[in-house]
Protein backbone atom coordinates (compact mmCIF):
# COMPACT_ATOMS: atom_id res chain seq x y z
CA MET A 1 0.00 0.00 0.00
CA ARG A 2 1.34 3.43 -0.98
CA GLU A 3 0.10 6.97 -0.37
CA SER A 4 -0.44 9.49 -3.17
CA ALA A 5 -1.86 12.97 -2.46
CA GLY A 6 -3.87 11.68 0.49
CA LEU A 7 -5.14 8.65 -1.44
CA GLU A 8 -4.09 5.00 -1.31
CA VAL A 9 -2.40 3.24 -4.21
CA ALA A 10 -2.90 -0.52 -3.85
CA ASP A 11 -1.46 -3.46 -5.78
CA CYS A 12 -3.71 -6.02 -7.45
CA LEU A 13 -5.13 -8.86 -5.36
CA CYS A 14 -2.86 -11.26 -7.25
CA GLY A 15 0.15 -9.32 -5.95
CA ASN A 16 1.04 -7.70 -9.26
CA ALA A 17 2.16 -4.06 -8.88
CA ASP A 18 2.09 -3.36 -12.65
CA GLU A 19 -0.27 -0.46 -13.29
CA GLY A 20 -1.68 -2.00 -16.49
CA THR A 21 -4.13 -0.29 -18.82
CA VAL A 22 -6.18 2.65 -17.57
CA LYS A 23 -9.87 3.58 -17.81
CA GLN A 24 -11.37 6.83 -16.51
CA ALA A 25 -14.87 6.97 -14.97
CA LEU A 26 -16.92 9.74 -13.36
CA ASP A 27 -18.50 9.49 -9.94
CA PRO A 28 -22.22 9.86 -10.80
CA ILE A 29 -22.88 11.44 -7.39
CA GLU A 30 -20.03 13.94 -6.98
CA ARG A 31 -18.94 14.03 -10.66
CA GLY A 32 -15.21 13.69 -9.93
CA SER A 33 -13.05 11.61 -12.30
CA TRP A 34 -11.40 8.42 -11.05
CA THR A 35 -8.97 5.91 -12.55
CA TYR A 36 -9.36 2.14 -12.89
CA ARG A 37 -6.34 0.02 -13.77
CA CYS A 38 -6.60 -3.43 -15.35
CA CYS A 39 -4.10 -6.03 -14.14
CA PRO A 40 -2.32 -7.64 -17.11
CA ALA A 41 -1.67 -10.78 -15.05
CA CYS A 42 -5.17 -11.73 -13.81
CA SER A 43 -7.68 -9.36 -15.54
CA LEU A 44 -8.92 -7.78 -12.29
CA GLU A 45 -9.59 -4.04 -12.36
CA ARG A 46 -8.90 -1.81 -9.37
CA LEU A 47 -9.55 1.78 -8.42
CA SER A 48 -6.12 3.38 -8.07
CA PRO A 49 -5.62 5.70 -6.32
CA ARG A 50 -8.57 5.29 -3.95
CA PRO A 51 -9.79 6.90 -0.69
CA SER A 52 -8.80 5.22 2.57
CA ILE A 53 -11.42 3.13 4.31
CA SER A 54 -11.83 5.79 7.00
CA ALA A 55 -12.70 8.39 4.35
CA MET A 56 -15.30 6.32 2.48
CA GLY A 57 -18.34 7.43 4.52
CA ARG A 58 -18.62 10.72 2.62
CA TYR A 59 -19.18 8.84 -0.65
CA TYR A 60 -22.24 6.95 0.67
CA PRO A 61 -25.17 9.37 1.14
CA ASP A 62 -28.12 8.29 3.28
CA ASP A 63 -30.29 7.96 0.16
CA TYR A 64 -27.82 5.56 -1.51
CA THR A 65 -30.07 2.92 -3.10
CA PRO A 66 -28.95 -0.14 -1.05
CA PHE A 67 -29.81 1.80 2.12
CA THR A 68 -33.47 2.25 1.18
CA ASP A 69 -36.31 -0.24 1.19
CA PRO A 70 -38.20 -0.86 -2.08
CA ALA A 71 -41.85 0.11 -2.35
CA PRO A 72 -44.04 -2.51 -0.61
CA HIS A 73 -45.72 -3.70 -3.84
CA GLN A 74 -42.36 -4.08 -5.60
CA ALA A 75 -40.93 -6.02 -2.66
CA ARG A 76 -43.91 -8.40 -2.55
CA ARG A 77 -43.74 -9.11 -6.28
CA ALA A 78 -40.00 -9.73 -6.23
CA ASP A 79 -40.29 -11.90 -3.13
CA ARG A 80 -42.91 -14.11 -4.76
CA VAL A 81 -40.73 -14.64 -7.84
CA LYS A 82 -37.64 -15.42 -5.75
CA ARG A 83 -39.56 -17.84 -3.55
CA ALA A 84 -40.94 -19.65 -6.60
CA VAL A 85 -37.42 -19.96 -8.06
CA TYR A 86 -36.06 -21.28 -4.78
CA GLU A 87 -38.81 -23.85 -4.26
CA THR A 88 -38.65 -25.02 -7.88
CA TYR A 89 -34.89 -25.57 -8.13
CA PHE A 90 -33.16 -25.57 -4.76
CA ALA A 91 -35.52 -26.30 -1.85
CA THR A 92 -35.84 -29.70 -0.25
CA PRO A 93 -39.10 -31.56 -1.02
CA ALA A 94 -40.43 -30.75 2.45
CA GLU A 95 -39.99 -27.00 1.83
CA ARG A 96 -42.02 -26.92 -1.38
CA SER A 97 -45.58 -25.66 -1.36
CA ALA A 98 -48.38 -27.84 -2.70
CA GLY A 99 -48.63 -25.70 -5.85
CA VAL A 100 -44.94 -25.98 -6.62
CA ARG A 101 -44.96 -29.75 -6.02
CA ARG A 102 -47.89 -30.15 -8.39
CA PHE A 103 -46.62 -27.92 -11.22
CA ARG A 104 -42.86 -28.19 -10.69
CA PRO A 105 -41.97 -29.51 -14.19
CA LEU A 106 -43.88 -26.66 -15.80
CA LEU A 107 -42.39 -24.08 -13.42
CA ALA A 108 -38.90 -25.46 -14.07
CA ALA A 109 -39.33 -24.74 -17.78
CA LEU A 110 -40.95 -21.32 -17.33
CA LEU A 111 -38.54 -20.06 -14.67
CA LEU A 112 -35.32 -21.35 -16.28
CA PRO A 113 -34.14 -17.85 -17.35
CA LEU A 114 -34.53 -16.74 -13.71
CA ARG A 115 -32.78 -19.70 -12.13
CA GLN A 116 -30.03 -17.48 -10.70
CA HIS A 117 -32.42 -14.74 -9.57
CA SER A 118 -33.13 -15.96 -6.04
CA VAL A 119 -30.82 -15.06 -3.16
CA LEU A 120 -30.88 -18.81 -2.43
CA SER A 121 -29.89 -19.93 -5.93
CA PHE A 122 -27.43 -22.52 -4.70
CA ASP A 123 -27.51 -26.00 -3.17
CA PRO A 124 -27.23 -25.42 0.59
CA PRO A 125 -24.60 -27.44 2.45
CA ALA A 126 -25.85 -30.31 4.60
CA LEU A 127 -25.07 -28.36 7.78
CA PRO A 128 -26.93 -26.23 10.31
CA ARG A 129 -28.38 -23.37 8.28
CA ARG A 130 -26.45 -20.42 9.69
CA VAL A 131 -25.52 -17.43 7.50
CA PHE A 132 -23.57 -14.20 8.01
CA GLU A 133 -24.01 -11.43 5.45
CA PHE A 134 -21.28 -8.83 4.94
CA GLY A 135 -22.80 -5.49 3.88
CA ALA A 136 -26.40 -6.56 4.50
CA GLY A 137 -28.00 -3.20 3.65
CA THR A 138 -31.60 -3.13 4.90
CA GLY A 139 -31.61 -6.87 5.55
CA ALA A 140 -33.76 -7.80 2.55
CA ASP A 141 -31.63 -10.78 1.57
CA LEU A 142 -31.35 -12.00 5.16
CA LEU A 143 -35.15 -11.98 5.31
CA GLU A 144 -35.18 -14.41 2.40
CA PHE A 145 -32.70 -16.62 4.24
CA ARG A 146 -34.73 -16.41 7.44
CA ASN A 147 -37.96 -17.29 5.63
CA ALA A 148 -36.20 -20.45 4.40
CA GLY A 149 -35.34 -21.44 7.95
CA TRP A 150 -31.81 -20.03 8.26
CA GLU A 151 -30.33 -18.46 11.41
CA VAL A 152 -29.20 -15.03 10.22
CA SER A 153 -26.68 -12.35 11.26
CA GLY A 154 -24.62 -9.73 9.48
CA CYS A 155 -22.99 -6.32 9.40
CA GLU A 156 -23.61 -3.02 7.63
CA PRO A 157 -21.77 0.34 7.98
CA SER A 158 -24.78 2.59 7.29
CA ALA A 159 -26.78 3.64 10.35
CA VAL A 160 -29.81 4.32 8.12
CA ALA A 161 -29.71 0.81 6.65
CA VAL A 162 -29.13 -0.81 10.08
CA ALA A 163 -32.24 0.96 11.38
CA ALA A 164 -34.27 -0.23 8.38
CA ALA A 165 -33.09 -3.81 8.96
CA ALA A 166 -34.06 -3.56 12.64
CA ALA A 167 -37.59 -2.61 11.56
CA HIS A 168 -37.70 -6.01 9.79
CA GLY A 169 -36.46 -7.79 12.91
CA ILE A 170 -32.90 -8.16 11.59
CA THR A 171 -30.15 -7.10 14.01
CA LEU A 172 -26.89 -6.06 12.32
CA GLN A 173 -23.49 -4.96 13.53
CA GLN A 174 -22.89 -1.38 12.40
CA CYS A 175 -19.38 -1.63 11.00
CA ASN A 176 -17.36 -2.25 7.84
CA ALA A 177 -16.99 -5.82 6.61
CA GLU A 178 -13.29 -5.70 7.45
CA ASP A 179 -14.11 -4.95 11.14
CA ALA A 180 -17.05 -7.33 11.66
CA GLU A 181 -17.12 -9.87 14.47
CA VAL A 182 -17.86 -12.98 12.42
CA PRO A 183 -19.48 -15.79 14.43
CA ALA A 184 -17.99 -19.26 14.29
CA GLY A 185 -19.89 -22.29 13.02
CA LEU A 186 -21.26 -20.74 9.83
CA SER A 187 -22.53 -22.80 6.94
CA CYS A 188 -22.65 -19.77 4.61
CA ALA A 189 -20.99 -16.36 4.30
CA TYR A 190 -22.88 -14.12 1.87
CA MET A 191 -22.09 -10.92 -0.06
CA ASN A 192 -24.51 -9.46 -2.59
CA ASN A 193 -22.94 -6.61 -4.60
CA VAL A 194 -20.56 -5.93 -1.71
CA PHE A 195 -17.31 -7.69 -2.64
CA GLU A 196 -16.46 -4.96 -5.17
CA HIS A 197 -16.74 -2.32 -2.39
CA LEU A 198 -14.22 -3.90 0.00
CA HIS A 199 -10.84 -2.34 0.67
CA ASP A 200 -9.37 -5.70 1.70
CA PRO A 201 -11.33 -8.53 0.05
CA MET A 202 -8.69 -11.14 0.90
CA ALA A 203 -8.89 -10.32 4.62
CA VAL A 204 -12.69 -10.64 4.57
CA LEU A 205 -12.45 -13.97 2.73
CA ALA A 206 -9.89 -15.19 5.25
CA ARG A 207 -12.22 -14.36 8.16
CA ALA A 208 -15.14 -16.04 6.41
CA HIS A 209 -13.02 -19.12 5.72
CA ALA A 210 -11.87 -19.33 9.35
CA ASN A 211 -15.44 -19.24 10.67
CA LEU A 212 -17.06 -21.62 8.20
CA LEU A 213 -17.77 -25.18 9.18
CA PRO A 214 -16.07 -27.86 7.06
CA SER A 215 -17.76 -27.87 3.62
CA GLY A 216 -19.32 -24.47 4.36
CA ILE A 217 -19.70 -22.07 1.45
CA VAL A 218 -19.20 -18.45 0.48
CA VAL A 219 -21.74 -16.97 -1.95
CA VAL A 220 -20.79 -13.72 -3.69
CA VAL A 221 -22.58 -11.69 -6.39
CA VAL A 222 -20.63 -8.96 -8.23
CA PRO A 223 -20.91 -6.96 -11.48
CA ASN A 224 -19.22 -8.77 -14.35
CA HIS A 225 -16.52 -6.60 -15.91
CA ALA A 226 -16.35 -9.04 -18.83
CA SER A 227 -20.08 -8.74 -19.58
CA TRP A 228 -21.47 -7.61 -22.90
CA ALA A 229 -22.81 -4.46 -21.25
CA ALA A 230 -19.37 -3.61 -19.82
CA ARG A 231 -17.74 -4.09 -23.22
CA ILE A 232 -20.38 -2.11 -25.10
CA PHE A 233 -20.78 0.85 -22.75
CA GLY A 234 -17.27 1.09 -21.28
CA SER A 235 -16.94 3.66 -18.53
CA GLN A 236 -20.65 4.52 -18.87
CA TRP A 237 -21.56 1.04 -17.62
CA PRO A 238 -22.92 1.23 -14.02
CA GLY A 239 -20.40 -1.39 -12.84
CA TYR A 240 -17.93 1.50 -12.82
CA ASP A 241 -19.15 3.40 -9.78
CA PRO A 242 -16.10 5.17 -8.37
CA PRO A 243 -15.05 5.50 -5.66
CA ARG A 244 -17.57 3.06 -4.15
CA HIS A 245 -16.68 0.20 -6.52
CA ILE A 246 -13.01 -0.39 -5.72
CA TRP A 247 -12.58 -3.70 -7.57
CA GLY A 248 -13.77 -4.96 -10.95
CA TYR A 249 -14.11 -8.73 -11.34
CA THR A 250 -14.23 -11.01 -14.34
CA PRO A 251 -15.12 -14.72 -14.11
CA ARG A 252 -11.47 -15.73 -14.57
CA GLY A 253 -10.18 -13.09 -12.17
CA ILE A 254 -12.58 -13.80 -9.34
CA GLN A 255 -12.04 -17.56 -9.57
CA GLY A 256 -8.34 -16.93 -8.96
CA VAL A 257 -9.15 -14.73 -5.95
CA PHE A 258 -11.13 -17.53 -4.27
CA GLU A 259 -8.59 -20.19 -5.08
CA ARG A 260 -5.80 -18.07 -3.57
CA ALA A 261 -7.99 -17.65 -0.47
CA GLY A 262 -8.04 -21.42 0.01
CA PHE A 263 -11.50 -22.28 -1.31
CA LYS A 264 -12.26 -25.33 -3.44
CA GLU A 265 -15.03 -26.19 -5.90
CA VAL A 266 -15.29 -22.57 -7.04
CA THR A 267 -18.33 -22.31 -9.32
CA VAL A 268 -19.02 -19.16 -11.34
CA SER A 269 -22.45 -18.64 -12.93
CA HIS A 270 -24.03 -15.70 -14.76
CA LYS A 271 -27.15 -13.80 -13.75
CA TYR A 272 -28.99 -10.57 -14.42
CA PRO A 273 -31.50 -8.57 -12.39
CA LEU A 274 -35.15 -8.28 -13.32
CA SER A 275 -34.54 -4.69 -14.28
CA THR A 276 -32.98 -2.67 -17.09
CA TYR A 277 -30.45 -1.11 -14.70
CA CYS A 278 -27.23 -2.05 -16.47
CA TRP A 279 -28.42 -1.63 -20.04
CA ALA A 280 -30.62 1.47 -19.59
CA ASN A 281 -28.01 3.37 -17.60
CA GLY A 282 -25.21 2.28 -19.92
CA LEU A 283 -27.10 3.23 -23.08
CA GLY A 284 -28.40 6.40 -21.44
CA ALA A 285 -24.85 7.49 -20.49
CA TRP A 286 -25.94 8.30 -16.95
CA ARG A 287 -22.58 9.81 -16.01
CA ALA A 288 -21.67 11.36 -19.37
CA GLU A 289 -21.52 15.07 -20.06
CA GLY A 290 -22.22 16.90 -23.30
CA ARG A 291 -24.75 16.90 -26.12
CA GLY A 292 -24.81 13.15 -26.74
CA LYS A 293 -26.18 12.44 -23.28
CA ALA A 294 -29.69 13.75 -24.07
CA LEU A 295 -29.99 11.66 -27.27
CA ARG A 296 -28.76 8.49 -25.56
CA GLY A 297 -31.17 9.10 -22.69
CA ARG A 298 -34.10 9.35 -25.11
CA MET A 299 -33.04 6.11 -26.81
CA ALA A 300 -32.91 4.31 -23.46
CA ARG A 301 -36.40 5.55 -22.51
CA LEU A 302 -37.79 4.60 -25.93
CA LEU A 303 -36.47 1.04 -25.72
CA GLY A 304 -37.70 0.72 -22.14
CA ARG A 305 -38.33 -2.78 -20.89
CA SER A 306 -37.11 -4.30 -24.16
CA LEU A 307 -33.58 -3.71 -22.83
CA LEU A 308 -34.16 -6.73 -20.62
CA LEU A 309 -33.44 -8.75 -23.75
CA GLY A 310 -29.83 -7.56 -23.62
CA GLY A 311 -29.44 -8.93 -20.12
CA PHE A 312 -31.11 -12.20 -21.01
CA ALA A 313 -29.08 -12.73 -24.20
CA SER A 314 -25.76 -11.90 -22.55
CA THR A 315 -26.46 -14.23 -19.63
CA SER A 316 -27.36 -17.04 -22.03
CA ALA A 317 -24.07 -16.44 -23.86
CA GLY A 318 -21.97 -16.58 -20.68
CA ALA A 319 -21.38 -12.82 -20.50
CA GLY A 320 -24.10 -11.77 -18.06
CA ASP A 321 -24.41 -8.48 -16.22
CA TYR A 322 -23.55 -10.15 -12.90
CA ILE A 323 -21.67 -13.22 -11.79
CA ARG A 324 -22.43 -15.41 -8.80
CA VAL A 325 -19.60 -17.29 -7.13
CA VAL A 326 -20.24 -20.28 -4.86
CA ALA A 327 -17.02 -21.51 -3.24
CA ARG A 328 -16.65 -24.30 -0.72
CA LYS A 329 -14.26 -24.54 2.19
CA ALA A 330 -11.94 -27.49 1.77
C-alpha cells in the first residue's frame, strides 16, 4: 500500500504491482473523475488511487439505493418470484408448497431464465443453516434466508440501513466488513454486490473461511466486468461506480481470488437482475456530459423494458451483467 496525495495506491489482489491499462470513470454522485487500472496478469480491475477506508463514509449518502427499502408492492412481487425460483430448483421436497410440487416440471421450464435470480440460488450445504451477510443493507436478503429457515446475522456500515433492517427484525453490527465480528460455526458467508466495495477482500475472505464449518460455502454476487454491457458501454456502464466500486471482477479473475484464499469447488455462474439497470443506464450514459447524453437518454427511454433482452441474451451467452460465485471450504 502506498500513499499518493492523500489517497491510497494498492497493488492487485494477485500481488502484481504493474499499473496495467487505464480507464477513466466519473462518480455519478459527486462528478469527480477516477482511474481504474486493469491487471495484465489476472484481468482484475482496481480503483487506483482510492480513498482510505476511514474516508469512504462521505461517498455513501443516506439515500444511496442499497440503504433504502423498495416500495411494498415491488418487494412483494420480487419476493414471490424469488420464492418460486427457490422452491422449484433448490428447496428440499419438504420446503415446497403444494402448488410448486404439483406444477414443478412446468415451473422449471418457465422459470429457467430466472434460475439465478433468487438469493438462495445454490444448493445449501448439509449443515446447520447459519448465515452471516457482509454489507447486509436493509436486511432484505437475510429476510429471504430467514424465511427459508436459516439463522441469520450480518454487518452493515450505514446507520440508516441498520435501522431499516431492525424494523424487519434483523439485528446487524454497524461496521465495515473488514471490522465485523464474524461468528464461528457458519454454513454460509454471503455478499450481494458488496465484494467490489471492500478495501481488503482477501482479509474478509480469510475471516469467512476461518469461521465456516467444514464444507461451508461463500456466496458472492458482483458486477461482471467481462459482460457484454461492460464491453459495449465502457466507462458509462454502471459497474464502474467510483469511488464506491473499488474492484472490478471477471469470471477468470474472481475464480483466482477464491482459489488463492483457500476455497475449493469454485463455481461461477451468470445472472442478471429483473430490471434494465445495467443496459438502460449504460445506453443512457448516466454519467456522461455533453450533447450526446440527451440523445442516448431518449433512446434508453424509448427502448424501455425491451432492454431486458440484452441482459437475457448476454447471460445465455456466458457474459451476463452479474456473476455469482459459490465456493466451498476445503
